[in-house]
Amino acid sequence: MRSRFSAFAVGDTAYLLRSWHPGTRPPRVDLDAGQRWGRLEILATTGGTAFHTTGTVTFRAHFTSRGKPGELCEHSRFERYEGAWVYVDGAVDGPDDSGSRGGGSGGAGGTQG
């Protein structure tokens, strides 16, 4: 999860796509150039150890969008795929002000499509 947040922060869409489960991965990720990701809070986790094949992360990601502060809260699901942890999907908790809607943000606020 932290590596995906870092990828959003630096605009590494190639990493975001590589770390997304192929069964739910969009054809591309369009990032908002006016959005800056600043801080990640991990609120809860389940599974996700070397002994698990699935896990969840509930997080709050803080950002600014065109100078206005915002946050995204999401409950994300991850699975081991070919030995690596990959993002499956997520549910956004309430309004997120990030421009992301639908089946999750992609793990920290990307627009899918």
C-alpha atoms as a PDB file:
ATOM      1  CA  MET A   1       0.000   0.000   0.000  1.00  0.00           C
ATOM      2  CA  ARG A   2       2.737   2.458   0.905  1.00  0.00           C
ATOM      3  CA  SER A   3       4.534   1.799  -2.366  1.00  0.00           C
ATOM      4  CA  ARG A   4       1.360   2.527  -4.331  1.00  0.00           C
ATOM      5  CA  PHE A   5       0.818   5.758  -2.390  1.00  0.00           C
ATOM      6  CA  SER A   6       4.407   6.756  -3.225  1.00  0.00           C
ATOM      7  CA  ALA A   7       3.746   5.939  -6.887  1.00  0.00           C
ATOM      8  CA  PHE A   8       0.696   8.230  -6.850  1.00  0.00           C
ATOM      9  CA  ALA A   9       2.791  10.946  -5.184  1.00  0.00           C
ATOM     10  CA  VAL A  10       5.510  10.846  -7.868  1.00  0.00           C
ATOM     11  CA  GLY A  11       3.203  10.060 -10.806  1.00  0.00           C
ATOM     12  CA  ASP A  12       4.557   6.570 -11.536  1.00  0.00           C
ATOM     13  CA  THR A  13       1.587   5.196 -13.484  1.00  0.00           C
ATOM     14  CA  ALA A  14       3.637   2.268 -14.820  1.00  0.00           C
ATOM     15  CA  TYR A  15       4.166   1.000 -11.257  1.00  0.00           C
ATOM     16  CA  LEU A  16       0.500   1.530 -10.427  1.00  0.00           C
ATOM     17  CA  LEU A  17      -0.513  -0.641 -13.371  1.00  0.00           C
ATOM     18  CA  ARG A  18       2.111  -3.318 -12.592  1.00  0.00           C
ATOM     19  CA  SER A  19       0.935  -3.537  -8.986  1.00  0.00           C
ATOM     20  CA  TRP A  20      -2.750  -3.820  -9.948  1.00  0.00           C
ATOM     21  CA  HIS A  21      -4.382  -7.267 -10.241  1.00  0.00           C
ATOM     22  CA  PRO A  22      -4.804  -8.116 -13.952  1.00  0.00           C
ATOM     23  CA  GLY A  23      -8.429  -9.109 -13.343  1.00  0.00           C
ATOM     24  CA  THR A  24      -9.380  -5.596 -12.201  1.00  0.00           C
ATOM     25  CA  ARG A  25      -6.645  -3.433 -13.786  1.00  0.00           C
ATOM     26  CA  PRO A  26      -7.890  -0.623 -16.037  1.00  0.00           C
ATOM     27  CA  PRO A  27      -6.205  -0.062 -19.406  1.00  0.00           C
ATOM     28  CA  ARG A  28      -4.596   3.119 -18.063  1.00  0.00           C
ATOM     29  CA  VAL A  29      -4.452   5.385 -15.022  1.00  0.00           C
ATOM     30  CA  ASP A  30      -4.953   9.110 -15.526  1.00  0.00           C
ATOM     31  CA  LEU A  31      -3.537  11.182 -12.688  1.00  0.00           C
ATOM     32  CA  ASP A  32      -4.673  14.725 -11.958  1.00  0.00           C
ATOM     33  CA  ALA A  33      -1.663  17.001 -12.461  1.00  0.00           C
ATOM     34  CA  GLY A  34      -3.181  19.543 -10.059  1.00  0.00           C
ATOM     35  CA  GLN A  35      -3.325  17.046  -7.202  1.00  0.00           C
ATOM     36  CA  ARG A  36      -0.438  16.556  -4.740  1.00  0.00           C
ATOM     37  CA  TRP A  37      -0.395  13.605  -2.346  1.00  0.00           C
ATOM     38  CA  GLY A  38       1.196  14.494   0.973  1.00  0.00           C
ATOM     39  CA  ARG A  39       0.561  11.966   3.730  1.00  0.00           C
ATOM     40  CA  LEU A  40      -0.749   8.451   4.207  1.00  0.00           C
ATOM     41  CA  GLU A  41      -2.335   7.103   7.393  1.00  0.00           C
ATOM     42  CA  ILE A  42      -2.861   3.361   7.689  1.00  0.00           C
ATOM     43  CA  LEU A  43      -5.970   2.957   9.837  1.00  0.00           C
ATOM     44  CA  ALA A  44      -6.378  -0.843   9.834  1.00  0.00           C
ATOM     45  CA  THR A  45      -5.037  -3.978   8.160  1.00  0.00           C
ATOM     46  CA  THR A  46      -6.035  -7.633   7.930  1.00  0.00           C
ATOM     47  CA  GLY A  47      -3.968 -10.508   6.566  1.00  0.00           C
ATOM     48  CA  GLY A  48      -1.140  -9.496   4.326  1.00  0.00           C
ATOM     49  CA  THR A  49       1.673 -11.411   6.025  1.00  0.00           C
ATOM     50  CA  ALA A  50       3.985 -13.978   4.473  1.00  0.00           C
ATOM     51  CA  PHE A  51       1.458 -16.624   5.528  1.00  0.00           C
ATOM     52  CA  HIS A  52      -1.556 -15.009   3.810  1.00  0.00           C
ATOM     53  CA  THR A  53      -2.731 -14.819   0.212  1.00  0.00           C
ATOM     54  CA  THR A  54      -5.132 -11.913   0.767  1.00  0.00           C
ATOM     55  CA  GLY A  55      -5.183  -8.786   2.845  1.00  0.00           C
ATOM     56  CA  THR A  56      -6.969  -5.506   3.341  1.00  0.00           C
ATOM     57  CA  VAL A  57      -5.819  -2.003   4.168  1.00  0.00           C
ATOM     58  CA  THR A  58      -8.018   0.817   5.368  1.00  0.00           C
ATOM     59  CA  PHE A  59      -6.266   4.129   4.887  1.00  0.00           C
ATOM     60  CA  ARG A  60      -6.636   7.882   4.774  1.00  0.00           C
ATOM     61  CA  ALA A  61      -4.582   9.696   2.144  1.00  0.00           C
ATOM     62  CA  HIS A  62      -4.159  13.462   2.436  1.00  0.00           C
ATOM     63  CA  PHE A  63      -3.765  15.641  -0.640  1.00  0.00           C
ATOM     64  CA  THR A  64      -4.116  19.128  -1.999  1.00  0.00           C
ATOM     65  CA  SER A  65      -5.981  19.767  -5.217  1.00  0.00           C
ATOM     66  CA  ARG A  66      -5.419  23.163  -6.770  1.00  0.00           C
ATOM     67  CA  GLY A  67      -4.480  24.502  -3.342  1.00  0.00           C
ATOM     68  CA  LYS A  68      -7.487  23.037  -1.533  1.00  0.00           C
ATOM     69  CA  PRO A  69      -6.806  20.318   1.091  1.00  0.00           C
ATOM     70  CA  GLY A  70      -8.654  17.021   0.897  1.00  0.00           C
ATOM     71  CA  GLU A  71      -8.494  13.434   1.978  1.00  0.00           C
ATOM     72  CA  LEU A  72      -9.448  10.067   0.576  1.00  0.00           C
ATOM     73  CA  CYS A  73     -10.527   7.233   2.866  1.00  0.00           C
ATOM     74  CA  GLU A  74     -10.628   3.779   1.325  1.00  0.00           C
ATOM     75  CA  HIS A  75     -10.824   0.123   2.294  1.00  0.00           C
ATOM     76  CA  SER A  76      -8.591  -1.678  -0.252  1.00  0.00           C
ATOM     77  CA  ARG A  77      -8.265  -5.374  -1.014  1.00  0.00           C
ATOM     78  CA  PHE A  78      -4.950  -6.950  -2.007  1.00  0.00           C
ATOM     79  CA  GLU A  79      -4.016 -10.452  -3.188  1.00  0.00           C
ATOM     80  CA  ARG A  80      -0.816 -12.295  -3.835  1.00  0.00           C
ATOM     81  CA  TYR A  81      -0.457 -12.752  -7.577  1.00  0.00           C
ATOM     82  CA  GLU A  82       2.565 -14.550  -9.009  1.00  0.00           C
ATOM     83  CA  GLY A  83       4.349 -14.009  -5.695  1.00  0.00           C
ATOM     84  CA  ALA A  84       3.696 -10.263  -5.389  1.00  0.00           C
ATOM     85  CA  TRP A  85       1.060  -8.295  -3.502  1.00  0.00           C
ATOM     86  CA  VAL A  86      -1.257  -6.513  -5.940  1.00  0.00           C
ATOM     87  CA  TYR A  87      -4.184  -4.141  -5.522  1.00  0.00           C
ATOM     88  CA  VAL A  88      -7.540  -5.767  -6.345  1.00  0.00           C
ATOM     89  CA  ASP A  89     -10.134  -3.095  -5.607  1.00  0.00           C
ATOM     90  CA  GLY A  90     -11.390  -0.743  -2.962  1.00  0.00           C
ATOM     91  CA  ALA A  91     -14.401   1.026  -1.543  1.00  0.00           C
ATOM     92  CA  VAL A  92     -14.182   4.763  -0.944  1.00  0.00           C
ATOM     93  CA  ASP A  93     -15.680   5.871   2.361  1.00  0.00           C
ATOM     94  CA  GLY A  94     -17.860   8.907   1.710  1.00  0.00           C
ATOM     95  CA  PRO A  95     -17.045  12.000  -0.363  1.00  0.00           C
ATOM     96  CA  ASP A  96     -13.372  12.138  -1.206  1.00  0.00           C
ATOM     97  CA  ASP A  97     -12.969  15.339  -3.280  1.00  0.00           C
ATOM     98  CA  SER A  98     -10.372  13.584  -5.441  1.00  0.00           C
ATOM     99  CA  GLY A  99     -12.319  13.268  -8.658  1.00  0.00           C
ATOM    100  CA  SER A 100     -12.265   9.494  -8.255  1.00  0.00           C
ATOM    101  CA  ARG A 101     -15.539   7.617  -8.231  1.00  0.00           C
ATOM    102  CA  GLY A 102     -16.751   4.104  -8.671  1.00  0.00           C
ATOM    103  CA  GLY A 103     -15.037   0.873  -7.666  1.00  0.00           C
ATOM    104  CA  GLY A 104     -12.231   2.358  -5.655  1.00  0.00           C
ATOM    105  CA  SER A 105      -9.521   4.847  -6.293  1.00  0.00           C
ATOM    106  CA  GLY A 106      -6.806   2.520  -7.381  1.00  0.00           C
ATOM    107  CA  GLY A 107      -5.322   2.620  -3.927  1.00  0.00           C
ATOM    108  CA  ALA A 108      -4.828   6.342  -3.467  1.00  0.00           C
ATOM    109  CA  GLY A 109      -6.928   8.449  -5.742  1.00  0.00           C
ATOM    110  CA  GLY A 110      -6.264   7.695  -9.393  1.00  0.00           C
ATOM    111  CA  THR A 111      -8.900   7.995 -12.022  1.00  0.00           C
ATOM    112  CA  GLN A 112      -9.392   4.748 -13.856  1.00  0.00           C
ATOM    113  CA  GLY A 113     -10.122   4.507 -17.505  1.00  0.00           C
END
